[in-house]
Amino acid sequence: MLFLDREDAGRKLAELLKGRDYGDAVVVALPRGGVPLGAVVADALNLPLDVILVRKVGAPSQPELALGAVTDGDTMKLTVNREIQAELGLTDEDVEDLARAQLPEIERRRASYYKGRAPVPLAGKTVIVVDDGVATGATLNSALRLIRGERPSRLILALPVAPRDTLERLREHADEVVCLHAPSPFLAVGAHYADFSQVSDEEVVRCLERARNLDGGQ
């Protein structure tokens, strides 16, 4: 399966999700790549759109290798891949230091994306978490745990593409997992898109502002 771009993947994912009664629900996207896709899904399902601010914690010498993921919230919340930590010989203090280095970027994104607006409340709602795809699942794992802590009534993870073993791990943290394509072997998320261009902060802000306007400015 090849998606033209994130909007195309969003349309295909929305078709899979349509026809259900979600009740009081919200679509929550992972920035930055998940937001254009999430905007399409939220529009198609007539639901509000929000973001979850989570950052990957990369290994010191291999920043693309996901050692874990971090969110700030009231206190720093850290999810760690203990196998990778052990392989690299890193102490818990080493990992925490790497995680803290990501917090300023989370705060910068919060100021840029929300502009003083409070996040959409998630307690008691059906939350549909979307991203443009997933490889190891470290960042999504942390995002799902954080959202679960907000006490939603139901937590649904919806993805266009992901490896099967990652999906199985993520099922532990969601009430339902929906995925369009789970190839084996899995190469990379971008390999399933004709256009996988980097998403800018400006595009994220445009998507969020448009969604708020469609939702009546909430």
N, C-alpha and C. Protein backbone atom coordinates (compact mmCIF):
# COMPACT_ATOMS: atom_id res chain seq x y z
N MET A 1 0.85 -1.19 0.00
CA MET A 1 0.00 0.00 0.00
C MET A 1 0.88 1.24 0.00
N LEU A 2 0.58 2.18 -0.84
CA LEU A 2 1.33 3.42 -0.91
C LEU A 2 0.36 4.58 -0.80
N PHE A 3 0.58 5.45 0.17
CA PHE A 3 -0.24 6.65 0.33
C PHE A 3 0.41 7.79 -0.46
N LEU A 4 -0.42 8.61 -1.06
CA LEU A 4 0.11 9.75 -1.80
C LEU A 4 0.82 10.71 -0.84
N ASP A 5 0.17 11.01 0.26
CA ASP A 5 0.71 11.90 1.28
C ASP A 5 -0.08 11.68 2.56
N ARG A 6 0.15 12.52 3.57
CA ARG A 6 -0.53 12.33 4.85
C ARG A 6 -2.03 12.57 4.75
N GLU A 7 -2.41 13.51 3.90
CA GLU A 7 -3.85 13.76 3.73
C GLU A 7 -4.55 12.55 3.11
N ASP A 8 -3.90 11.93 2.15
CA ASP A 8 -4.45 10.72 1.53
C ASP A 8 -4.58 9.60 2.56
N ALA A 9 -3.55 9.44 3.39
CA ALA A 9 -3.61 8.43 4.45
C ALA A 9 -4.73 8.75 5.43
N GLY A 10 -4.93 10.04 5.73
CA GLY A 10 -6.01 10.45 6.62
C GLY A 10 -7.37 10.12 6.07
N ARG A 11 -7.56 10.34 4.77
CA ARG A 11 -8.85 10.02 4.14
C ARG A 11 -9.13 8.51 4.20
N LYS A 12 -8.12 7.72 3.92
CA LYS A 12 -8.30 6.25 3.96
C LYS A 12 -8.57 5.78 5.39
N LEU A 13 -7.89 6.38 6.35
CA LEU A 13 -8.10 6.00 7.75
C LEU A 13 -9.49 6.43 8.22
N ALA A 14 -9.92 7.60 7.79
CA ALA A 14 -11.25 8.08 8.16
C ALA A 14 -12.34 7.16 7.62
N GLU A 15 -12.15 6.62 6.41
CA GLU A 15 -13.14 5.71 5.85
C GLU A 15 -13.28 4.46 6.72
N LEU A 16 -12.16 4.03 7.29
CA LEU A 16 -12.18 2.85 8.15
C LEU A 16 -12.88 3.14 9.48
N LEU A 17 -12.82 4.39 9.91
CA LEU A 17 -13.37 4.76 11.21
C LEU A 17 -14.82 5.25 11.15
N LYS A 18 -15.29 5.58 9.96
CA LYS A 18 -16.64 6.13 9.80
C LYS A 18 -17.70 5.10 10.16
N GLY A 19 -18.90 5.61 10.44
CA GLY A 19 -20.04 4.74 10.68
C GLY A 19 -20.19 4.28 12.11
N ARG A 20 -19.37 4.79 13.02
CA ARG A 20 -19.47 4.41 14.42
C ARG A 20 -20.06 5.57 15.23
N ASP A 21 -20.66 5.23 16.35
CA ASP A 21 -21.13 6.24 17.27
C ASP A 21 -20.07 6.40 18.36
N TYR A 22 -19.27 7.46 18.25
CA TYR A 22 -18.20 7.67 19.22
C TYR A 22 -18.65 8.45 20.44
N GLY A 23 -19.85 9.02 20.38
CA GLY A 23 -20.33 9.82 21.50
C GLY A 23 -19.48 11.07 21.64
N ASP A 24 -19.16 11.44 22.87
CA ASP A 24 -18.32 12.60 23.13
C ASP A 24 -16.88 12.19 22.87
N ALA A 25 -16.30 12.66 21.76
CA ALA A 25 -15.00 12.15 21.34
C ALA A 25 -14.11 13.28 20.84
N VAL A 26 -12.81 12.99 20.77
CA VAL A 26 -11.82 13.94 20.26
C VAL A 26 -10.72 13.16 19.56
N VAL A 27 -10.20 13.74 18.48
CA VAL A 27 -9.04 13.18 17.78
C VAL A 27 -7.80 13.86 18.33
N VAL A 28 -6.82 13.06 18.77
CA VAL A 28 -5.57 13.59 19.31
C VAL A 28 -4.42 13.10 18.41
N ALA A 29 -3.69 14.05 17.83
CA ALA A 29 -2.61 13.71 16.90
C ALA A 29 -1.25 13.95 17.52
N LEU A 30 -0.26 13.17 17.07
CA LEU A 30 1.12 13.38 17.50
C LEU A 30 1.81 14.32 16.50
N PRO A 31 2.31 15.45 17.01
CA PRO A 31 3.05 16.36 16.11
C PRO A 31 4.44 15.79 15.81
N ARG A 32 5.01 16.15 14.64
CA ARG A 32 4.28 17.03 13.76
C ARG A 32 3.56 16.24 12.66
N GLY A 33 4.13 15.09 12.27
CA GLY A 33 3.60 14.37 11.12
C GLY A 33 2.18 13.88 11.25
N GLY A 34 1.73 13.62 12.48
CA GLY A 34 0.38 13.11 12.66
C GLY A 34 -0.71 14.16 12.53
N VAL A 35 -0.33 15.45 12.56
CA VAL A 35 -1.35 16.50 12.61
C VAL A 35 -2.10 16.69 11.28
N PRO A 36 -1.42 16.78 10.12
CA PRO A 36 -2.19 16.89 8.87
C PRO A 36 -3.12 15.69 8.65
N LEU A 37 -2.65 14.51 8.99
CA LEU A 37 -3.49 13.31 8.91
C LEU A 37 -4.65 13.40 9.89
N GLY A 38 -4.35 13.79 11.13
CA GLY A 38 -5.38 13.91 12.15
C GLY A 38 -6.43 14.93 11.81
N ALA A 39 -6.02 16.02 11.14
CA ALA A 39 -6.97 17.05 10.74
C ALA A 39 -8.00 16.50 9.76
N VAL A 40 -7.54 15.66 8.84
CA VAL A 40 -8.46 15.04 7.87
C VAL A 40 -9.43 14.10 8.58
N VAL A 41 -8.91 13.30 9.51
CA VAL A 41 -9.76 12.36 10.25
C VAL A 41 -10.78 13.11 11.09
N ALA A 42 -10.34 14.14 11.81
CA ALA A 42 -11.25 14.91 12.66
C ALA A 42 -12.34 15.57 11.84
N ASP A 43 -11.98 16.13 10.68
CA ASP A 43 -12.96 16.78 9.81
C ASP A 43 -13.98 15.77 9.29
N ALA A 44 -13.48 14.59 8.87
CA ALA A 44 -14.38 13.57 8.31
C ALA A 44 -15.35 13.03 9.36
N LEU A 45 -14.89 12.94 10.61
CA LEU A 45 -15.73 12.39 11.68
C LEU A 45 -16.48 13.48 12.45
N ASN A 46 -16.25 14.74 12.03
CA ASN A 46 -16.89 15.89 12.70
C ASN A 46 -16.55 15.92 14.19
N LEU A 47 -15.26 15.79 14.48
CA LEU A 47 -14.78 15.78 15.86
C LEU A 47 -13.72 16.86 16.04
N PRO A 48 -13.54 17.34 17.27
CA PRO A 48 -12.46 18.30 17.53
C PRO A 48 -11.10 17.63 17.41
N LEU A 49 -10.07 18.45 17.18
CA LEU A 49 -8.71 17.98 17.02
C LEU A 49 -7.81 18.62 18.07
N ASP A 50 -6.94 17.83 18.66
CA ASP A 50 -5.94 18.36 19.58
C ASP A 50 -4.65 17.60 19.36
N VAL A 51 -3.59 17.99 20.08
CA VAL A 51 -2.29 17.32 19.96
C VAL A 51 -1.84 16.84 21.33
N ILE A 52 -0.93 15.87 21.32
CA ILE A 52 -0.28 15.39 22.54
C ILE A 52 1.21 15.65 22.36
N LEU A 53 1.81 16.34 23.32
CA LEU A 53 3.19 16.79 23.18
C LEU A 53 4.13 15.78 23.81
N VAL A 54 4.69 14.93 22.98
CA VAL A 54 5.61 13.87 23.40
C VAL A 54 6.85 13.96 22.52
N ARG A 55 8.02 13.75 23.12
CA ARG A 55 9.27 13.79 22.36
C ARG A 55 10.03 12.48 22.51
N LYS A 56 10.58 12.02 21.40
CA LYS A 56 11.44 10.85 21.43
C LYS A 56 12.74 11.19 22.15
N VAL A 57 13.23 10.24 22.94
CA VAL A 57 14.55 10.37 23.57
C VAL A 57 15.50 9.48 22.77
N GLY A 58 16.37 10.10 21.98
CA GLY A 58 17.29 9.34 21.14
C GLY A 58 18.52 8.89 21.89
N ALA A 59 19.13 7.83 21.42
CA ALA A 59 20.38 7.35 22.02
C ALA A 59 21.49 8.37 21.77
N PRO A 60 22.45 8.48 22.67
CA PRO A 60 23.49 9.53 22.56
C PRO A 60 24.22 9.53 21.22
N SER A 61 24.65 8.39 20.74
CA SER A 61 25.40 8.34 19.48
C SER A 61 24.54 8.01 18.28
N GLN A 62 23.26 7.67 18.52
CA GLN A 62 22.33 7.33 17.44
C GLN A 62 20.98 8.01 17.72
N PRO A 63 20.87 9.30 17.44
CA PRO A 63 19.66 10.04 17.80
C PRO A 63 18.38 9.49 17.19
N GLU A 64 18.49 8.73 16.09
CA GLU A 64 17.29 8.15 15.48
C GLU A 64 16.84 6.88 16.19
N LEU A 65 17.71 6.31 17.02
CA LEU A 65 17.37 5.11 17.78
C LEU A 65 16.58 5.52 19.02
N ALA A 66 15.34 5.04 19.14
CA ALA A 66 14.47 5.47 20.23
C ALA A 66 14.83 4.75 21.52
N LEU A 67 15.48 5.48 22.41
CA LEU A 67 15.78 4.97 23.74
C LEU A 67 14.53 5.03 24.61
N GLY A 68 13.66 5.97 24.31
CA GLY A 68 12.42 6.14 25.05
C GLY A 68 11.67 7.35 24.54
N ALA A 69 10.75 7.84 25.35
CA ALA A 69 9.99 9.04 25.01
C ALA A 69 9.62 9.76 26.29
N VAL A 70 9.41 11.06 26.18
CA VAL A 70 9.16 11.87 27.38
C VAL A 70 8.03 12.86 27.12
N THR A 71 7.25 13.10 28.16
CA THR A 71 6.25 14.17 28.17
C THR A 71 6.48 14.96 29.45
N ASP A 72 6.03 16.22 29.47
CA ASP A 72 6.27 16.97 30.69
C ASP A 72 5.07 16.96 31.62
N GLY A 73 3.88 17.43 31.18
CA GLY A 73 2.71 17.41 32.05
C GLY A 73 3.00 18.13 33.36
N ASP A 74 2.38 17.69 34.46
CA ASP A 74 2.65 18.27 35.77
C ASP A 74 4.07 17.92 36.23
N THR A 75 4.50 16.71 35.92
CA THR A 75 5.87 16.28 36.18
C THR A 75 6.35 15.52 34.95
N MET A 76 7.67 15.41 34.80
CA MET A 76 8.21 14.70 33.65
C MET A 76 7.80 13.23 33.70
N LYS A 77 7.25 12.74 32.59
CA LYS A 77 6.87 11.33 32.49
C LYS A 77 7.73 10.70 31.41
N LEU A 78 8.41 9.61 31.77
CA LEU A 78 9.41 9.03 30.89
C LEU A 78 9.11 7.55 30.67
N THR A 79 9.10 7.14 29.41
CA THR A 79 9.00 5.73 29.04
C THR A 79 10.34 5.31 28.44
N VAL A 80 10.90 4.19 28.92
CA VAL A 80 12.25 3.79 28.52
C VAL A 80 12.24 2.38 27.94
N ASN A 81 12.98 2.20 26.85
CA ASN A 81 13.23 0.86 26.31
C ASN A 81 14.41 0.29 27.09
N ARG A 82 14.12 -0.57 28.07
CA ARG A 82 15.17 -1.06 28.96
C ARG A 82 16.20 -1.92 28.22
N GLU A 83 15.79 -2.61 27.16
CA GLU A 83 16.74 -3.42 26.41
C GLU A 83 17.80 -2.55 25.76
N ILE A 84 17.36 -1.45 25.13
CA ILE A 84 18.32 -0.55 24.49
C ILE A 84 19.18 0.14 25.54
N GLN A 85 18.58 0.52 26.66
CA GLN A 85 19.34 1.13 27.75
C GLN A 85 20.47 0.20 28.20
N ALA A 86 20.14 -1.08 28.38
CA ALA A 86 21.14 -2.05 28.83
C ALA A 86 22.23 -2.25 27.77
N GLU A 87 21.83 -2.32 26.50
CA GLU A 87 22.80 -2.51 25.42
C GLU A 87 23.80 -1.37 25.37
N LEU A 88 23.33 -0.15 25.65
CA LEU A 88 24.19 1.03 25.58
C LEU A 88 24.92 1.30 26.89
N GLY A 89 24.59 0.54 27.94
CA GLY A 89 25.26 0.72 29.22
C GLY A 89 24.93 2.04 29.88
N LEU A 90 23.72 2.53 29.73
CA LEU A 90 23.33 3.82 30.29
C LEU A 90 22.67 3.64 31.65
N THR A 91 22.98 4.52 32.58
CA THR A 91 22.33 4.50 33.88
C THR A 91 20.98 5.21 33.79
N ASP A 92 20.15 5.04 34.81
CA ASP A 92 18.87 5.76 34.85
C ASP A 92 19.10 7.26 34.83
N GLU A 93 20.15 7.71 35.51
CA GLU A 93 20.46 9.15 35.52
C GLU A 93 20.83 9.63 34.12
N ASP A 94 21.59 8.82 33.37
CA ASP A 94 21.94 9.17 31.99
C ASP A 94 20.67 9.37 31.16
N VAL A 95 19.74 8.43 31.29
CA VAL A 95 18.50 8.50 30.50
C VAL A 95 17.67 9.71 30.89
N GLU A 96 17.59 9.99 32.18
CA GLU A 96 16.82 11.14 32.65
C GLU A 96 17.42 12.45 32.14
N ASP A 97 18.74 12.52 32.10
CA ASP A 97 19.40 13.72 31.57
C ASP A 97 19.07 13.91 30.09
N LEU A 98 19.10 12.83 29.33
CA LEU A 98 18.75 12.90 27.91
C LEU A 98 17.30 13.33 27.73
N ALA A 99 16.42 12.84 28.61
CA ALA A 99 15.01 13.18 28.53
C ALA A 99 14.78 14.66 28.86
N ARG A 100 15.45 15.15 29.90
CA ARG A 100 15.26 16.56 30.29
C ARG A 100 15.69 17.51 29.17
N ALA A 101 16.63 17.07 28.37
CA ALA A 101 17.09 17.92 27.26
C ALA A 101 16.00 18.15 26.23
N GLN A 102 14.95 17.29 26.23
CA GLN A 102 13.84 17.43 25.28
C GLN A 102 12.74 18.35 25.80
N LEU A 103 12.73 18.67 27.09
CA LEU A 103 11.63 19.43 27.67
C LEU A 103 11.51 20.85 27.12
N PRO A 104 12.62 21.58 26.86
CA PRO A 104 12.45 22.91 26.28
C PRO A 104 11.73 22.90 24.94
N GLU A 105 11.97 21.87 24.12
CA GLU A 105 11.28 21.79 22.83
C GLU A 105 9.80 21.52 23.03
N ILE A 106 9.46 20.71 24.02
CA ILE A 106 8.05 20.49 24.32
C ILE A 106 7.38 21.80 24.73
N GLU A 107 8.05 22.57 25.57
CA GLU A 107 7.49 23.84 26.01
C GLU A 107 7.37 24.82 24.85
N ARG A 108 8.37 24.83 23.96
CA ARG A 108 8.30 25.70 22.79
C ARG A 108 7.10 25.35 21.91
N ARG A 109 6.90 24.06 21.71
CA ARG A 109 5.76 23.64 20.89
C ARG A 109 4.44 23.97 21.58
N ARG A 110 4.38 23.81 22.89
CA ARG A 110 3.15 24.15 23.61
C ARG A 110 2.79 25.62 23.40
N ALA A 111 3.77 26.49 23.53
CA ALA A 111 3.53 27.92 23.36
C ALA A 111 3.10 28.24 21.93
N SER A 112 3.71 27.55 20.96
CA SER A 112 3.40 27.80 19.55
C SER A 112 2.04 27.24 19.15
N TYR A 113 1.74 26.03 19.58
CA TYR A 113 0.53 25.35 19.12
C TYR A 113 -0.72 25.82 19.85
N TYR A 114 -0.62 26.06 21.15
CA TYR A 114 -1.80 26.39 21.94
C TYR A 114 -2.06 27.89 22.03
N LYS A 115 -1.00 28.69 22.05
CA LYS A 115 -1.12 30.15 22.11
C LYS A 115 -2.06 30.58 23.23
N GLY A 116 -1.85 30.00 24.40
CA GLY A 116 -2.64 30.37 25.56
C GLY A 116 -3.93 29.58 25.74
N ARG A 117 -4.34 28.81 24.73
CA ARG A 117 -5.56 28.02 24.83
C ARG A 117 -5.29 26.75 25.62
N ALA A 118 -6.23 26.34 26.40
CA ALA A 118 -6.08 25.11 27.18
C ALA A 118 -6.31 23.90 26.27
N PRO A 119 -5.65 22.76 26.56
CA PRO A 119 -5.91 21.53 25.80
C PRO A 119 -7.37 21.10 25.95
N VAL A 120 -7.86 20.36 24.96
CA VAL A 120 -9.22 19.81 25.04
C VAL A 120 -9.27 18.80 26.19
N PRO A 121 -10.22 18.92 27.11
CA PRO A 121 -10.32 17.94 28.20
C PRO A 121 -10.60 16.54 27.64
N LEU A 122 -9.95 15.54 28.22
CA LEU A 122 -10.08 14.17 27.71
C LEU A 122 -10.85 13.25 28.66
N ALA A 123 -11.05 13.66 29.89
CA ALA A 123 -11.73 12.81 30.88
C ALA A 123 -13.15 12.47 30.42
N GLY A 124 -13.46 11.17 30.45
CA GLY A 124 -14.79 10.72 30.11
C GLY A 124 -15.10 10.67 28.62
N LYS A 125 -14.12 10.98 27.78
CA LYS A 125 -14.36 11.01 26.33
C LYS A 125 -13.73 9.80 25.64
N THR A 126 -14.23 9.53 24.44
CA THR A 126 -13.54 8.60 23.55
C THR A 126 -12.41 9.38 22.89
N VAL A 127 -11.19 8.91 23.03
CA VAL A 127 -10.03 9.58 22.45
C VAL A 127 -9.46 8.71 21.33
N ILE A 128 -9.40 9.29 20.14
CA ILE A 128 -8.84 8.60 18.98
C ILE A 128 -7.45 9.18 18.72
N VAL A 129 -6.42 8.40 19.02
CA VAL A 129 -5.04 8.85 18.86
C VAL A 129 -4.55 8.46 17.47
N VAL A 130 -4.01 9.44 16.74
CA VAL A 130 -3.54 9.16 15.38
C VAL A 130 -2.12 9.66 15.18
N ASP A 131 -1.41 8.98 14.29
CA ASP A 131 -0.10 9.41 13.84
C ASP A 131 0.03 8.98 12.38
N ASP A 132 1.09 9.44 11.70
CA ASP A 132 1.24 9.08 10.29
C ASP A 132 1.84 7.70 10.10
N GLY A 133 2.15 7.03 11.19
CA GLY A 133 2.73 5.69 11.16
C GLY A 133 3.62 5.52 12.35
N VAL A 134 4.09 4.31 12.57
CA VAL A 134 4.92 4.03 13.74
C VAL A 134 5.90 2.93 13.39
N ALA A 135 7.11 3.02 13.98
CA ALA A 135 8.11 1.98 13.79
C ALA A 135 8.30 1.23 15.10
N THR A 136 9.05 1.80 16.04
CA THR A 136 9.30 1.11 17.32
C THR A 136 8.15 1.30 18.30
N GLY A 137 7.43 2.40 18.21
CA GLY A 137 6.29 2.65 19.10
C GLY A 137 6.65 3.32 20.42
N ALA A 138 7.91 3.71 20.62
CA ALA A 138 8.32 4.30 21.90
C ALA A 138 7.55 5.58 22.20
N THR A 139 7.45 6.46 21.22
CA THR A 139 6.76 7.74 21.44
C THR A 139 5.28 7.52 21.66
N LEU A 140 4.67 6.67 20.86
CA LEU A 140 3.23 6.39 21.02
C LEU A 140 2.95 5.71 22.35
N ASN A 141 3.83 4.84 22.78
CA ASN A 141 3.67 4.18 24.07
C ASN A 141 3.54 5.22 25.17
N SER A 142 4.44 6.19 25.16
CA SER A 142 4.41 7.24 26.17
C SER A 142 3.16 8.10 26.04
N ALA A 143 2.76 8.41 24.80
CA ALA A 143 1.56 9.22 24.59
C ALA A 143 0.31 8.51 25.11
N LEU A 144 0.19 7.23 24.82
CA LEU A 144 -0.98 6.48 25.26
C LEU A 144 -1.06 6.41 26.79
N ARG A 145 0.09 6.23 27.42
CA ARG A 145 0.10 6.18 28.88
C ARG A 145 -0.33 7.52 29.48
N LEU A 146 0.16 8.60 28.88
CA LEU A 146 -0.21 9.92 29.37
C LEU A 146 -1.70 10.17 29.21
N ILE A 147 -2.25 9.82 28.05
CA ILE A 147 -3.68 10.03 27.80
C ILE A 147 -4.51 9.14 28.71
N ARG A 148 -4.07 7.92 28.95
CA ARG A 148 -4.81 7.02 29.85
C ARG A 148 -4.91 7.65 31.25
N GLY A 149 -3.88 8.38 31.63
CA GLY A 149 -3.89 9.05 32.92
C GLY A 149 -4.92 10.16 33.02
N GLU A 150 -5.43 10.62 31.86
CA GLU A 150 -6.47 11.65 31.85
C GLU A 150 -7.87 11.04 32.00
N ARG A 151 -7.95 9.74 32.13
CA ARG A 151 -9.19 9.00 32.38
C ARG A 151 -10.24 9.13 31.26
N PRO A 152 -9.85 8.84 30.01
CA PRO A 152 -10.85 8.79 28.94
C PRO A 152 -11.76 7.59 29.13
N SER A 153 -12.96 7.64 28.56
CA SER A 153 -13.86 6.50 28.66
C SER A 153 -13.41 5.37 27.73
N ARG A 154 -12.76 5.73 26.62
CA ARG A 154 -12.28 4.73 25.66
C ARG A 154 -11.08 5.32 24.92
N LEU A 155 -10.09 4.51 24.67
CA LEU A 155 -8.87 4.95 24.01
C LEU A 155 -8.64 4.11 22.76
N ILE A 156 -8.71 4.75 21.61
CA ILE A 156 -8.56 4.08 20.32
C ILE A 156 -7.30 4.59 19.64
N LEU A 157 -6.44 3.70 19.18
CA LEU A 157 -5.26 4.06 18.41
C LEU A 157 -5.53 3.74 16.95
N ALA A 158 -5.37 4.74 16.08
CA ALA A 158 -5.64 4.56 14.65
C ALA A 158 -4.42 4.98 13.84
N LEU A 159 -3.90 4.06 13.02
CA LEU A 159 -2.68 4.30 12.27
C LEU A 159 -2.83 3.85 10.82
N PRO A 160 -2.15 4.50 9.89
CA PRO A 160 -2.16 4.00 8.52
C PRO A 160 -1.21 2.83 8.30
N VAL A 161 -0.06 2.83 9.01
CA VAL A 161 0.92 1.77 8.77
C VAL A 161 1.78 1.56 10.01
N ALA A 162 2.10 0.30 10.30
CA ALA A 162 2.93 -0.04 11.46
C ALA A 162 3.34 -1.50 11.35
N PRO A 163 4.48 -1.89 11.93
CA PRO A 163 4.86 -3.31 11.97
C PRO A 163 3.99 -4.08 12.95
N ARG A 164 3.79 -5.34 12.68
CA ARG A 164 2.87 -6.15 13.48
C ARG A 164 3.31 -6.28 14.93
N ASP A 165 4.61 -6.47 15.17
CA ASP A 165 5.05 -6.65 16.55
C ASP A 165 4.85 -5.38 17.38
N THR A 166 5.03 -4.22 16.75
CA THR A 166 4.79 -2.96 17.45
C THR A 166 3.31 -2.80 17.78
N LEU A 167 2.45 -3.16 16.85
CA LEU A 167 1.00 -3.07 17.10
C LEU A 167 0.61 -3.94 18.29
N GLU A 168 1.19 -5.12 18.39
CA GLU A 168 0.86 -6.01 19.50
C GLU A 168 1.26 -5.39 20.83
N ARG A 169 2.42 -4.73 20.86
CA ARG A 169 2.85 -4.07 22.10
C ARG A 169 1.95 -2.90 22.46
N LEU A 170 1.52 -2.16 21.45
CA LEU A 170 0.68 -0.99 21.71
C LEU A 170 -0.73 -1.36 22.14
N ARG A 171 -1.17 -2.57 21.79
CA ARG A 171 -2.51 -3.01 22.20
C ARG A 171 -2.65 -3.06 23.72
N GLU A 172 -1.53 -3.18 24.42
CA GLU A 172 -1.58 -3.21 25.88
C GLU A 172 -2.03 -1.88 26.47
N HIS A 173 -1.91 -0.80 25.69
CA HIS A 173 -2.16 0.53 26.22
C HIS A 173 -3.39 1.20 25.60
N ALA A 174 -4.09 0.50 24.73
CA ALA A 174 -5.29 1.07 24.09
C ALA A 174 -6.43 0.05 24.18
N ASP A 175 -7.66 0.56 24.17
CA ASP A 175 -8.81 -0.33 24.18
C ASP A 175 -9.04 -0.96 22.81
N GLU A 176 -8.59 -0.25 21.77
CA GLU A 176 -8.75 -0.76 20.41
C GLU A 176 -7.62 -0.19 19.55
N VAL A 177 -7.09 -1.01 18.66
CA VAL A 177 -6.07 -0.57 17.72
C VAL A 177 -6.57 -0.83 16.30
N VAL A 178 -6.56 0.21 15.48
CA VAL A 178 -6.99 0.13 14.09
C VAL A 178 -5.80 0.51 13.21
N CYS A 179 -5.45 -0.34 12.26
CA CYS A 179 -4.31 -0.05 11.38
C CYS A 179 -4.64 -0.51 9.96
N LEU A 180 -4.37 0.35 8.99
CA LEU A 180 -4.68 0.01 7.60
C LEU A 180 -3.72 -1.02 7.03
N HIS A 181 -2.47 -0.96 7.42
CA HIS A 181 -1.47 -1.80 6.76
C HIS A 181 -0.38 -2.17 7.75
N ALA A 182 -0.13 -3.48 7.92
CA ALA A 182 0.92 -3.97 8.82
C ALA A 182 1.85 -4.89 8.02
N PRO A 183 2.78 -4.31 7.25
CA PRO A 183 3.64 -5.12 6.37
C PRO A 183 4.68 -5.91 7.16
N SER A 184 5.09 -7.01 6.58
CA SER A 184 6.19 -7.80 7.15
C SER A 184 7.03 -8.33 5.99
N PRO A 185 8.31 -7.98 5.93
CA PRO A 185 9.04 -7.14 6.89
C PRO A 185 8.67 -5.67 6.76
N PHE A 186 8.94 -4.93 7.82
CA PHE A 186 8.67 -3.50 7.86
C PHE A 186 9.97 -2.74 7.66
N LEU A 187 9.99 -1.80 6.72
CA LEU A 187 11.21 -1.05 6.44
C LEU A 187 11.22 0.29 7.17
N ALA A 188 10.31 1.17 6.81
CA ALA A 188 10.23 2.49 7.44
C ALA A 188 8.87 3.07 7.11
N VAL A 189 8.39 3.97 7.97
CA VAL A 189 7.09 4.60 7.73
C VAL A 189 7.09 5.34 6.39
N GLY A 190 8.14 6.12 6.14
CA GLY A 190 8.20 6.92 4.92
C GLY A 190 8.19 6.11 3.64
N ALA A 191 8.55 4.83 3.72
CA ALA A 191 8.57 3.99 2.53
C ALA A 191 7.17 3.74 1.98
N HIS A 192 6.15 4.05 2.77
CA HIS A 192 4.77 3.80 2.34
C HIS A 192 4.05 5.07 1.88
N TYR A 193 4.82 6.14 1.71
CA TYR A 193 4.28 7.41 1.24
C TYR A 193 5.04 7.87 0.00
N ALA A 194 4.29 8.37 -1.01
CA ALA A 194 4.95 8.99 -2.16
C ALA A 194 5.55 10.32 -1.75
N ASP A 195 4.84 11.05 -0.89
CA ASP A 195 5.32 12.33 -0.36
C ASP A 195 5.32 12.25 1.16
N PHE A 196 6.51 12.19 1.74
CA PHE A 196 6.64 12.14 3.19
C PHE A 196 7.48 13.33 3.66
N SER A 197 7.18 14.50 3.09
CA SER A 197 7.91 15.71 3.42
C SER A 197 7.76 16.06 4.90
N GLN A 198 8.77 16.71 5.44
CA GLN A 198 8.71 17.13 6.83
C GLN A 198 7.59 18.14 7.03
N VAL A 199 6.89 18.01 8.14
CA VAL A 199 5.80 18.92 8.48
C VAL A 199 6.36 20.03 9.36
N SER A 200 6.03 21.27 9.03
CA SER A 200 6.54 22.43 9.78
C SER A 200 5.62 22.78 10.93
N ASP A 201 6.14 23.55 11.87
CA ASP A 201 5.31 24.07 12.95
C ASP A 201 4.18 24.92 12.40
N GLU A 202 4.47 25.68 11.34
CA GLU A 202 3.45 26.55 10.75
C GLU A 202 2.29 25.73 10.22
N GLU A 203 2.57 24.58 9.61
CA GLU A 203 1.50 23.73 9.10
C GLU A 203 0.69 23.14 10.25
N VAL A 204 1.35 22.75 11.33
CA VAL A 204 0.64 22.26 12.51
C VAL A 204 -0.31 23.30 13.04
N VAL A 205 0.16 24.53 13.18
CA VAL A 205 -0.68 25.62 13.69
C VAL A 205 -1.86 25.87 12.77
N ARG A 206 -1.62 25.84 11.45
CA ARG A 206 -2.73 26.04 10.50
C ARG A 206 -3.80 24.96 10.65
N CYS A 207 -3.35 23.71 10.77
CA CYS A 207 -4.30 22.60 10.93
C CYS A 207 -5.13 22.76 12.21
N LEU A 208 -4.46 23.12 13.29
CA LEU A 208 -5.16 23.26 14.57
C LEU A 208 -6.13 24.44 14.55
N GLU A 209 -5.70 25.55 13.98
CA GLU A 209 -6.58 26.72 13.94
C GLU A 209 -7.79 26.46 13.05
N ARG A 210 -7.57 25.78 11.92
CA ARG A 210 -8.70 25.46 11.04
C ARG A 210 -9.68 24.53 11.75
N ALA A 211 -9.15 23.53 12.46
CA ALA A 211 -10.02 22.61 13.18
C ALA A 211 -10.81 23.33 14.27
N ARG A 212 -10.18 24.27 14.96
CA ARG A 212 -10.89 25.02 16.00
C ARG A 212 -11.99 25.88 15.41
N ASN A 213 -11.71 26.48 14.25
CA ASN A 213 -12.74 27.28 13.59
C ASN A 213 -13.93 26.43 13.16
N LEU A 214 -13.65 25.24 12.63
CA LEU A 214 -14.73 24.34 12.23
C LEU A 214 -15.52 23.84 13.43
N ASP A 215 -14.83 23.78 14.58
CA ASP A 215 -15.48 23.31 15.81
C ASP A 215 -16.13 24.45 16.59
N GLY A 216 -16.23 25.58 15.97
CA GLY A 216 -16.90 26.72 16.62
C GLY A 216 -15.99 27.50 17.52
N GLY A 217 -14.66 27.39 17.31
CA GLY A 217 -13.74 28.19 18.09
C GLY A 217 -13.47 27.66 19.49
N GLN A 218 -13.83 26.38 19.74
CA GLN A 218 -13.61 25.81 21.07
C GLN A 218 -12.13 25.56 21.32
